[in-house]
Amino acid sequence: MLRKLLSLGLMMAIESGAHAQASAPDFTAVSAILHRITAAQVRPYSTRDFGRDRFNGAISVLVPPEKAEAQMLAVRRELPPNWVAFVGTTNSLASPKAEGAEIVVGPGRGPLDILDIAQTDAVNHGMVTKDLKEHLQAWQDKYGIDIRQAETDTISMTLGKMPSDLAAFSREVYEFCPDIVEQGTGTVEALEATIREHQRVFLWWD
């Protein structure tokens, strides 16, 4: 009986390992897309915590900051389903410092999965990644959001449609992210004007 139990346990472990390998994402095809569009060396990781931590569940390249968003969007257009791309760490505190902006590709079904890869948070305001996702899910449901850039303390997104009451939405943005006004636009009215002009929301928590 003991031998049978050990044998069964071994078979289950082997099957479990085989399943894990089968379900692990294959980065081969998306790595080729990323390299072809950016002509940059693909790294087998992306970064978190201002570039200081490596995350092996995604891949990335470093490109000139002024080219990052356009190249990221070009990558997106060629990705197969269930992959996301975004501009990642732009303010690296790693040693040695990584030069350039990061374009990240990883598994994901929608824009909010990007925050899990980037591990964006607002810990100085008592919010972790899960809290940010819950708040942005409401915006996703109402307006449709496209997260273009996400790193440790920063998110930049476009809105699929403008809020009908932009003044109220701008106040909500300010309550969610006070620093974007207090250390940025200066007033909620200026924030509203920026959102109206660009149909874009920039969030940054100091």
C-alpha atoms as a PDB file:
ATOM      1  CA  MET A   1       0.000   0.000   0.000  1.00  0.00           C
ATOM      2  CA  LEU A   2       2.785   2.443   0.893  1.00  0.00           C
ATOM      3  CA  ARG A   3       4.495   1.728  -2.434  1.00  0.00           C
ATOM      4  CA  LYS A   4       1.232   2.418  -4.284  1.00  0.00           C
ATOM      5  CA  LEU A   5       0.736   5.688  -2.431  1.00  0.00           C
ATOM      6  CA  LEU A   6       4.288   6.808  -3.181  1.00  0.00           C
ATOM      7  CA  SER A   7       3.851   5.834  -6.820  1.00  0.00           C
ATOM      8  CA  LEU A   8       0.582   7.764  -7.021  1.00  0.00           C
ATOM      9  CA  GLY A   9       2.193  10.790  -5.388  1.00  0.00           C
ATOM     10  CA  LEU A  10       5.059  10.708  -7.863  1.00  0.00           C
ATOM     11  CA  MET A  11       2.672  10.475 -10.819  1.00  0.00           C
ATOM     12  CA  MET A  12       0.647  13.424  -9.489  1.00  0.00           C
ATOM     13  CA  ALA A  13       3.814  15.471  -9.011  1.00  0.00           C
ATOM     14  CA  ILE A  14       4.951  14.693 -12.558  1.00  0.00           C
ATOM     15  CA  GLU A  15       1.529  15.563 -13.974  1.00  0.00           C
ATOM     16  CA  SER A  16       1.467  18.771 -11.937  1.00  0.00           C
ATOM     17  CA  GLY A  17       4.895  19.750 -13.228  1.00  0.00           C
ATOM     18  CA  ALA A  18       3.927  18.952 -16.799  1.00  0.00           C
ATOM     19  CA  HIS A  19       0.786  21.063 -16.434  1.00  0.00           C
ATOM     20  CA  ALA A  20       2.796  23.964 -15.031  1.00  0.00           C
ATOM     21  CA  GLN A  21       5.178  23.793 -17.971  1.00  0.00           C
ATOM     22  CA  ALA A  22       2.322  23.535 -20.454  1.00  0.00           C
ATOM     23  CA  SER A  23       0.521  26.524 -18.941  1.00  0.00           C
ATOM     24  CA  ALA A  24       3.611  28.730 -18.650  1.00  0.00           C
ATOM     25  CA  PRO A  25       3.522  31.577 -21.179  1.00  0.00           C
ATOM     26  CA  ASP A  26       5.676  31.138 -24.263  1.00  0.00           C
ATOM     27  CA  PHE A  27       7.421  34.417 -24.962  1.00  0.00           C
ATOM     28  CA  THR A  28       9.084  33.306 -28.215  1.00  0.00           C
ATOM     29  CA  ALA A  29       6.629  34.841 -30.672  1.00  0.00           C
ATOM     30  CA  VAL A  30       5.991  38.063 -28.744  1.00  0.00           C
ATOM     31  CA  SER A  31       9.722  38.495 -28.135  1.00  0.00           C
ATOM     32  CA  ALA A  32      10.286  38.389 -31.898  1.00  0.00           C
ATOM     33  CA  ILE A  33       7.594  41.052 -32.413  1.00  0.00           C
ATOM     34  CA  LEU A  34       9.081  43.259 -29.706  1.00  0.00           C
ATOM     35  CA  HIS A  35      12.588  43.000 -31.136  1.00  0.00           C
ATOM     36  CA  ARG A  36      11.527  43.559 -34.750  1.00  0.00           C
ATOM     37  CA  ILE A  37       9.597  46.731 -33.989  1.00  0.00           C
ATOM     38  CA  THR A  38      12.050  48.301 -31.539  1.00  0.00           C
ATOM     39  CA  ALA A  39      15.376  46.864 -32.815  1.00  0.00           C
ATOM     40  CA  ALA A  40      16.338  46.643 -29.122  1.00  0.00           C
ATOM     41  CA  GLN A  41      17.709  43.724 -27.132  1.00  0.00           C
ATOM     42  CA  VAL A  42      14.883  41.880 -25.427  1.00  0.00           C
ATOM     43  CA  ARG A  43      15.367  41.328 -21.718  1.00  0.00           C
ATOM     44  CA  PRO A  44      13.811  38.185 -20.135  1.00  0.00           C
ATOM     45  CA  TYR A  45      12.220  40.309 -17.413  1.00  0.00           C
ATOM     46  CA  SER A  46      10.516  43.621 -16.742  1.00  0.00           C
ATOM     47  CA  THR A  47      11.181  45.827 -13.735  1.00  0.00           C
ATOM     48  CA  ARG A  48       9.306  47.044 -10.694  1.00  0.00           C
ATOM     49  CA  ASP A  49      10.087  49.310  -7.742  1.00  0.00           C
ATOM     50  CA  PHE A  50      11.644  52.057  -9.878  1.00  0.00           C
ATOM     51  CA  GLY A  51      13.669  49.528 -11.853  1.00  0.00           C
ATOM     52  CA  ARG A  52      15.271  47.916  -8.803  1.00  0.00           C
ATOM     53  CA  ASP A  53      13.335  44.626  -8.871  1.00  0.00           C
ATOM     54  CA  ARG A  54      13.186  42.221 -11.805  1.00  0.00           C
ATOM     55  CA  PHE A  55       9.942  40.438 -12.661  1.00  0.00           C
ATOM     56  CA  ASN A  56      10.354  37.236 -14.657  1.00  0.00           C
ATOM     57  CA  GLY A  57       6.711  37.043 -15.724  1.00  0.00           C
ATOM     58  CA  ALA A  58       7.172  39.574 -18.533  1.00  0.00           C
ATOM     59  CA  ILE A  59       9.773  40.704 -21.072  1.00  0.00           C
ATOM     60  CA  SER A  60      10.979  44.199 -21.926  1.00  0.00           C
ATOM     61  CA  VAL A  61      13.239  46.426 -23.976  1.00  0.00           C
ATOM     62  CA  LEU A  62      14.732  49.851 -23.369  1.00  0.00           C
ATOM     63  CA  VAL A  63      14.053  52.535 -25.979  1.00  0.00           C
ATOM     64  CA  PRO A  64      14.425  56.323 -26.206  1.00  0.00           C
ATOM     65  CA  PRO A  65      11.644  57.875 -24.095  1.00  0.00           C
ATOM     66  CA  GLU A  66      10.334  59.966 -26.974  1.00  0.00           C
ATOM     67  CA  LYS A  67       9.745  56.804 -29.040  1.00  0.00           C
ATOM     68  CA  ALA A  68       8.357  54.589 -26.299  1.00  0.00           C
ATOM     69  CA  GLU A  69       4.607  55.084 -26.649  1.00  0.00           C
ATOM     70  CA  ALA A  70       4.521  54.972 -30.442  1.00  0.00           C
ATOM     71  CA  GLN A  71       6.615  51.809 -30.535  1.00  0.00           C
ATOM     72  CA  MET A  72       4.559  50.243 -27.745  1.00  0.00           C
ATOM     73  CA  LEU A  73       1.352  50.851 -29.708  1.00  0.00           C
ATOM     74  CA  ALA A  74       2.961  49.313 -32.797  1.00  0.00           C
ATOM     75  CA  VAL A  75       3.820  46.230 -30.732  1.00  0.00           C
ATOM     76  CA  ARG A  76       0.266  46.022 -29.427  1.00  0.00           C
ATOM     77  CA  ARG A  77      -1.181  45.934 -32.910  1.00  0.00           C
ATOM     78  CA  GLU A  78       0.702  42.700 -33.636  1.00  0.00           C
ATOM     79  CA  LEU A  79       0.290  40.862 -30.337  1.00  0.00           C
ATOM     80  CA  PRO A  80      -1.840  37.721 -30.257  1.00  0.00           C
ATOM     81  CA  PRO A  81      -4.793  37.548 -27.836  1.00  0.00           C
ATOM     82  CA  ASN A  82      -4.181  37.471 -24.085  1.00  0.00           C
ATOM     83  CA  TRP A  83      -1.051  39.613 -24.196  1.00  0.00           C
ATOM     84  CA  VAL A  84      -0.645  43.222 -23.062  1.00  0.00           C
ATOM     85  CA  ALA A  85       1.997  45.826 -23.811  1.00  0.00           C
ATOM     86  CA  PHE A  86       2.691  49.098 -22.033  1.00  0.00           C
ATOM     87  CA  VAL A  87       5.396  51.604 -21.265  1.00  0.00           C
ATOM     88  CA  GLY A  88       6.913  50.545 -17.946  1.00  0.00           C
ATOM     89  CA  THR A  89       9.692  52.027 -15.854  1.00  0.00           C
ATOM     90  CA  THR A  90      10.844  55.422 -17.087  1.00  0.00           C
ATOM     91  CA  ASN A  91      12.406  56.648 -13.864  1.00  0.00           C
ATOM     92  CA  SER A  92      14.957  53.987 -12.997  1.00  0.00           C
ATOM     93  CA  LEU A  93      16.666  54.076  -9.616  1.00  0.00           C
ATOM     94  CA  ALA A  94      18.564  50.864 -10.322  1.00  0.00           C
ATOM     95  CA  SER A  95      22.323  50.720  -9.942  1.00  0.00           C
ATOM     96  CA  PRO A  96      23.661  50.922 -12.536  1.00  0.00           C
ATOM     97  CA  LYS A  97      20.872  53.137 -13.852  1.00  0.00           C
ATOM     98  CA  ALA A  98      19.002  51.767 -16.867  1.00  0.00           C
ATOM     99  CA  GLU A  99      18.930  54.357 -19.635  1.00  0.00           C
ATOM    100  CA  GLY A 100      15.730  54.751 -21.610  1.00  0.00           C
ATOM    101  CA  ALA A 101      12.064  53.930 -21.186  1.00  0.00           C
ATOM    102  CA  GLU A 102      10.892  50.370 -20.811  1.00  0.00           C
ATOM    103  CA  ILE A 103       8.397  48.735 -23.158  1.00  0.00           C
ATOM    104  CA  VAL A 104       6.907  45.726 -21.409  1.00  0.00           C
ATOM    105  CA  VAL A 105       5.034  42.739 -22.874  1.00  0.00           C
ATOM    106  CA  GLY A 106       3.362  40.165 -20.659  1.00  0.00           C
ATOM    107  CA  PRO A 107       0.330  37.899 -20.331  1.00  0.00           C
ATOM    108  CA  GLY A 108      -2.930  39.719 -19.713  1.00  0.00           C
ATOM    109  CA  ARG A 109      -6.559  39.929 -20.748  1.00  0.00           C
ATOM    110  CA  GLY A 110      -7.155  43.625 -20.245  1.00  0.00           C
ATOM    111  CA  PRO A 111      -5.730  46.973 -19.154  1.00  0.00           C
ATOM    112  CA  LEU A 112      -6.009  46.346 -15.428  1.00  0.00           C
ATOM    113  CA  ASP A 113      -3.721  43.322 -15.693  1.00  0.00           C
ATOM    114  CA  ILE A 114      -0.991  45.818 -16.558  1.00  0.00           C
ATOM    115  CA  LEU A 115      -1.004  47.070 -12.976  1.00  0.00           C
ATOM    116  CA  ASP A 116      -0.274  43.567 -11.699  1.00  0.00           C
ATOM    117  CA  ILE A 117       2.779  43.339 -13.944  1.00  0.00           C
ATOM    118  CA  ALA A 118       4.002  46.811 -12.991  1.00  0.00           C
ATOM    119  CA  GLN A 119       2.946  46.469  -9.321  1.00  0.00           C
ATOM    120  CA  THR A 120       1.818  50.082  -9.305  1.00  0.00           C
ATOM    121  CA  ASP A 121       0.717  51.336  -5.902  1.00  0.00           C
ATOM    122  CA  ALA A 122       0.067  54.467  -3.880  1.00  0.00           C
ATOM    123  CA  VAL A 123       1.418  53.311  -0.539  1.00  0.00           C
ATOM    124  CA  ASN A 124       1.945  56.873   0.682  1.00  0.00           C
ATOM    125  CA  HIS A 125      -1.822  57.257   0.363  1.00  0.00           C
ATOM    126  CA  GLY A 126      -2.661  53.867   1.841  1.00  0.00           C
ATOM    127  CA  MET A 127      -3.426  52.080  -1.450  1.00  0.00           C
ATOM    128  CA  VAL A 128      -1.822  48.958  -2.876  1.00  0.00           C
ATOM    129  CA  THR A 129      -2.180  47.583  -6.404  1.00  0.00           C
ATOM    130  CA  LYS A 130      -5.491  45.865  -5.627  1.00  0.00           C
ATOM    131  CA  ASP A 131      -7.005  49.147  -4.401  1.00  0.00           C
ATOM    132  CA  LEU A 132      -5.973  51.004  -7.548  1.00  0.00           C
ATOM    133  CA  LYS A 133      -7.436  48.257  -9.727  1.00  0.00           C
ATOM    134  CA  GLU A 134     -10.757  48.406  -7.897  1.00  0.00           C
ATOM    135  CA  HIS A 135     -11.017  52.154  -8.437  1.00  0.00           C
ATOM    136  CA  LEU A 136      -9.967  52.004 -12.083  1.00  0.00           C
ATOM    137  CA  GLN A 137     -12.413  49.168 -12.752  1.00  0.00           C
ATOM    138  CA  ALA A 138     -15.229  51.670 -12.201  1.00  0.00           C
ATOM    139  CA  TRP A 139     -13.676  53.994 -14.791  1.00  0.00           C
ATOM    140  CA  GLN A 140     -13.208  51.063 -17.133  1.00  0.00           C
ATOM    141  CA  ASP A 141     -16.900  50.205 -16.831  1.00  0.00           C
ATOM    142  CA  LYS A 142     -18.064  53.797 -17.368  1.00  0.00           C
ATOM    143  CA  TYR A 143     -15.623  55.225 -19.892  1.00  0.00           C
ATOM    144  CA  GLY A 144     -13.297  52.504 -21.142  1.00  0.00           C
ATOM    145  CA  ILE A 145      -9.639  53.063 -20.256  1.00  0.00           C
ATOM    146  CA  ASP A 146      -6.453  52.300 -22.110  1.00  0.00           C
ATOM    147  CA  ILE A 147      -3.450  52.194 -19.789  1.00  0.00           C
ATOM    148  CA  ARG A 148      -0.513  53.335 -21.890  1.00  0.00           C
ATOM    149  CA  GLN A 149       2.083  53.610 -19.135  1.00  0.00           C
ATOM    150  CA  ALA A 150       2.403  52.146 -15.639  1.00  0.00           C
ATOM    151  CA  GLU A 151       5.283  52.042 -13.210  1.00  0.00           C
ATOM    152  CA  THR A 152       5.749  52.043  -9.461  1.00  0.00           C
ATOM    153  CA  ASP A 153       3.852  55.234  -8.627  1.00  0.00           C
ATOM    154  CA  THR A 154       2.551  56.396 -12.007  1.00  0.00           C
ATOM    155  CA  ILE A 155      -0.273  55.568 -14.428  1.00  0.00           C
ATOM    156  CA  SER A 156      -1.091  57.271 -17.724  1.00  0.00           C
ATOM    157  CA  MET A 157      -4.292  56.297 -19.518  1.00  0.00           C
ATOM    158  CA  THR A 158      -6.633  57.465 -22.227  1.00  0.00           C
ATOM    159  CA  LEU A 159     -10.413  57.489 -21.925  1.00  0.00           C
ATOM    160  CA  GLY A 160     -12.524  55.703 -24.511  1.00  0.00           C
ATOM    161  CA  LYS A 161     -15.255  58.286 -24.022  1.00  0.00           C
ATOM    162  CA  MET A 162     -15.383  61.527 -22.098  1.00  0.00           C
ATOM    163  CA  PRO A 163     -17.374  61.734 -18.848  1.00  0.00           C
ATOM    164  CA  SER A 164     -20.644  63.603 -19.300  1.00  0.00           C
ATOM    165  CA  ASP A 165     -19.846  65.670 -16.183  1.00  0.00           C
ATOM    166  CA  LEU A 166     -16.148  66.356 -16.631  1.00  0.00           C
ATOM    167  CA  ALA A 167     -16.007  68.734 -13.662  1.00  0.00           C
ATOM    168  CA  ALA A 168     -17.296  66.019 -11.321  1.00  0.00           C
ATOM    169  CA  PHE A 169     -14.932  63.466 -12.833  1.00  0.00           C
ATOM    170  CA  SER A 170     -11.984  65.836 -12.378  1.00  0.00           C
ATOM    171  CA  ARG A 171     -12.879  66.231  -8.707  1.00  0.00           C
ATOM    172  CA  GLU A 172     -12.957  62.447  -8.429  1.00  0.00           C
ATOM    173  CA  VAL A 173      -9.499  62.233 -10.036  1.00  0.00           C
ATOM    174  CA  TYR A 174      -8.226  64.809  -7.525  1.00  0.00           C
ATOM    175  CA  GLU A 175      -9.672  62.884  -4.562  1.00  0.00           C
ATOM    176  CA  PHE A 176      -8.136  59.662  -5.870  1.00  0.00           C
ATOM    177  CA  CYS A 177      -4.773  61.237  -6.669  1.00  0.00           C
ATOM    178  CA  PRO A 178      -4.270  64.592  -4.865  1.00  0.00           C
ATOM    179  CA  ASP A 179      -0.640  64.946  -5.959  1.00  0.00           C
ATOM    180  CA  ILE A 180      -1.623  65.401  -9.596  1.00  0.00           C
ATOM    181  CA  VAL A 181      -3.179  68.730  -8.614  1.00  0.00           C
ATOM    182  CA  GLU A 182      -1.202  69.748  -5.541  1.00  0.00           C
ATOM    183  CA  GLN A 183       2.147  69.042  -7.201  1.00  0.00           C
ATOM    184  CA  GLY A 184       0.969  69.254 -10.793  1.00  0.00           C
ATOM    185  CA  THR A 185      -1.805  71.277 -12.400  1.00  0.00           C
ATOM    186  CA  GLY A 186      -2.330  73.492  -9.349  1.00  0.00           C
ATOM    187  CA  THR A 187      -6.134  73.534  -9.548  1.00  0.00           C
ATOM    188  CA  VAL A 188      -8.899  71.063 -10.310  1.00  0.00           C
ATOM    189  CA  GLU A 189     -10.059  73.445 -13.059  1.00  0.00           C
ATOM    190  CA  ALA A 190      -6.663  73.182 -14.761  1.00  0.00           C
ATOM    191  CA  LEU A 191      -6.839  69.404 -14.420  1.00  0.00           C
ATOM    192  CA  GLU A 192     -10.254  69.437 -16.075  1.00  0.00           C
ATOM    193  CA  ALA A 193      -8.917  71.504 -18.963  1.00  0.00           C
ATOM    194  CA  THR A 194      -6.035  69.065 -19.467  1.00  0.00           C
ATOM    195  CA  ILE A 195      -8.343  66.050 -19.508  1.00  0.00           C
ATOM    196  CA  ARG A 196     -10.688  67.795 -21.933  1.00  0.00           C
ATOM    197  CA  GLU A 197      -7.850  68.691 -24.304  1.00  0.00           C
ATOM    198  CA  HIS A 198      -6.099  65.319 -24.345  1.00  0.00           C
ATOM    199  CA  GLN A 199      -8.849  62.859 -23.265  1.00  0.00           C
ATOM    200  CA  ARG A 200      -6.150  61.450 -21.038  1.00  0.00           C
ATOM    201  CA  VAL A 201      -5.644  61.005 -17.293  1.00  0.00           C
ATOM    202  CA  PHE A 202      -2.222  61.064 -15.665  1.00  0.00           C
ATOM    203  CA  LEU A 203      -1.924  59.764 -12.102  1.00  0.00           C
ATOM    204  CA  TRP A 204       1.112  60.136  -9.892  1.00  0.00           C
ATOM    205  CA  TRP A 205       1.395  59.533  -6.155  1.00  0.00           C
ATOM    206  CA  ASP A 206       4.446  61.048  -4.436  1.00  0.00           C
END
